[in-house]
Amino acid sequence: MSRAAPALLAVGVLWSTVSQALDADQRRAEALLQRMCAECHAVGRTGASPHELAPPFRKLGENKLYDPGFTQRLQDGYSSIHRAMPTARFGRGDAEAVVSYLRAIQEPRKPK
């Protein structure tokens, strides 16, 4: 084993940690979602949703998060067909930060 191998391993671990770090807007969005949604949804990268029918936010999927209209729906008032879910409405900056945060925490797709 060369002397460079441990150093390269350390750089790889550090890079992985840094790439998963959230920026200031994403941290703000995370706090906002914790206040508004954590009663039912798992908001972070881990954990089960408190409400069994509420999907963890890390499993929302790319189709929804990369839909150009999703940010606008958050601004207009997002709700679901589930009667217990209140309508969530965000200003433009918060909606953009929420989408950025949700994209950052998504679990990788599992191969079929």
Protein backbone atom coordinates (compact mmCIF):
# COMPACT_ATOMS: atom_id res chain seq x y z
CA MET A 1 0.00 0.00 0.00
CA SER A 2 1.41 3.37 -0.93
CA ARG A 3 1.71 6.29 1.45
CA ALA A 4 -0.79 8.22 -0.63
CA ALA A 5 -3.62 5.70 -0.11
CA PRO A 6 -4.58 6.80 3.45
CA ALA A 7 -4.48 10.44 2.41
CA LEU A 8 -6.69 9.76 -0.61
CA LEU A 9 -9.12 7.85 1.59
CA ALA A 10 -9.29 10.77 4.04
CA VAL A 11 -9.93 13.22 1.19
CA GLY A 12 -12.70 10.97 -0.14
CA VAL A 13 -14.43 10.78 3.25
CA LEU A 14 -14.12 14.55 3.73
CA TRP A 15 -15.46 15.22 0.21
CA SER A 16 -18.44 12.93 0.85
CA THR A 17 -19.26 14.78 4.07
CA VAL A 18 -18.91 18.20 2.46
CA SER A 19 -21.03 17.24 -0.56
CA GLN A 20 -23.86 16.24 1.78
CA ALA A 21 -23.72 19.49 3.76
CA LEU A 22 -26.67 21.81 3.36
CA ASP A 23 -26.31 25.43 2.37
CA ALA A 24 -27.95 28.23 4.36
CA ASP A 25 -31.16 28.28 2.29
CA GLN A 26 -31.52 24.51 2.57
CA ARG A 27 -31.03 24.65 6.36
CA ARG A 28 -33.67 27.39 6.53
CA ALA A 29 -36.04 25.22 4.47
CA GLU A 30 -35.35 22.23 6.70
CA ALA A 31 -36.27 24.27 9.80
CA LEU A 32 -39.40 25.56 8.06
CA LEU A 33 -40.48 22.02 7.11
CA GLN A 34 -39.75 20.81 10.65
CA ARG A 35 -42.17 23.44 12.00
CA MET A 36 -44.85 22.91 9.37
CA CYS A 37 -44.69 19.23 8.45
CA ALA A 38 -42.80 17.08 10.97
CA GLU A 39 -45.95 16.26 12.93
CA CYS A 40 -46.77 13.80 10.12
CA HIS A 41 -43.73 13.55 7.79
CA ALA A 42 -40.14 12.48 8.31
CA VAL A 43 -38.48 15.69 7.15
CA GLY A 44 -34.79 14.69 7.29
CA ARG A 45 -32.49 12.14 5.69
CA THR A 46 -33.48 9.41 8.17
CA GLY A 47 -36.34 8.25 10.33
CA ALA A 48 -39.90 7.09 9.89
CA SER A 49 -42.83 9.44 9.40
CA PRO A 50 -44.94 9.83 12.55
CA HIS A 51 -48.09 9.34 10.45
CA GLU A 52 -48.05 6.01 8.62
CA LEU A 53 -49.69 7.44 5.49
CA ALA A 54 -47.34 10.42 5.22
CA PRO A 55 -44.32 9.66 3.02
CA PRO A 56 -40.86 10.60 4.29
CA PHE A 57 -39.72 13.66 2.37
CA ARG A 58 -36.50 11.89 1.34
CA LYS A 59 -38.63 9.52 -0.77
CA LEU A 60 -40.64 12.04 -2.79
CA GLY A 61 -38.77 11.21 -5.96
CA GLU A 62 -37.29 13.12 -8.83
CA ASN A 63 -40.47 13.25 -10.93
CA LYS A 64 -42.14 15.63 -8.49
CA LEU A 65 -39.07 17.62 -7.49
CA TYR A 66 -37.86 18.29 -11.01
CA ASP A 67 -41.33 19.15 -12.31
CA PRO A 68 -41.06 22.85 -13.27
CA GLY A 69 -44.49 23.51 -11.79
CA PHE A 70 -43.77 22.09 -8.34
CA THR A 71 -42.22 25.29 -6.98
CA GLN A 72 -45.22 27.25 -8.22
CA ARG A 73 -47.63 24.78 -6.58
CA LEU A 74 -45.82 25.35 -3.28
CA GLN A 75 -46.41 29.08 -3.71
CA ASP A 76 -50.07 28.67 -4.72
CA GLY A 77 -50.83 26.32 -1.85
CA TYR A 78 -49.85 22.66 -1.88
CA SER A 79 -52.15 20.01 -0.48
CA SER A 80 -52.96 16.38 -1.14
CA ILE A 81 -56.09 14.31 -1.42
CA HIS A 82 -55.56 13.24 2.18
CA ARG A 83 -58.19 15.10 4.21
CA ALA A 84 -55.94 15.55 7.24
CA MET A 85 -53.19 17.36 5.32
CA PRO A 86 -53.46 21.13 5.60
CA THR A 87 -52.60 23.32 2.64
CA ALA A 88 -49.00 24.51 2.77
CA ARG A 89 -48.27 27.87 1.15
CA PHE A 90 -44.78 29.34 0.73
CA GLY A 91 -43.39 32.61 -0.56
CA ARG A 92 -41.20 32.35 -3.65
CA GLY A 93 -37.87 32.32 -1.80
CA ASP A 94 -39.08 29.74 0.70
CA ALA A 95 -40.58 27.57 -2.05
CA GLU A 96 -37.29 27.60 -3.96
CA ALA A 97 -35.36 26.77 -0.78
CA VAL A 98 -37.77 23.92 0.06
CA VAL A 99 -37.35 22.38 -3.39
CA SER A 100 -33.56 22.71 -3.13
CA TYR A 101 -33.61 21.05 0.30
CA LEU A 102 -35.89 18.23 -0.85
CA ARG A 103 -33.64 17.56 -3.83
CA ALA A 104 -30.60 17.43 -1.53
CA ILE A 105 -32.06 14.78 0.78
CA GLN A 106 -33.56 12.36 -1.75
CA GLU A 107 -32.55 8.74 -1.41
CA PRO A 108 -30.95 7.28 -4.51
CA ARG A 109 -33.30 5.21 -6.63
CA LYS A 110 -32.98 1.47 -6.17
CA PRO A 111 -32.44 -0.51 -9.35
CA LYS A 112 -35.45 -2.56 -10.41
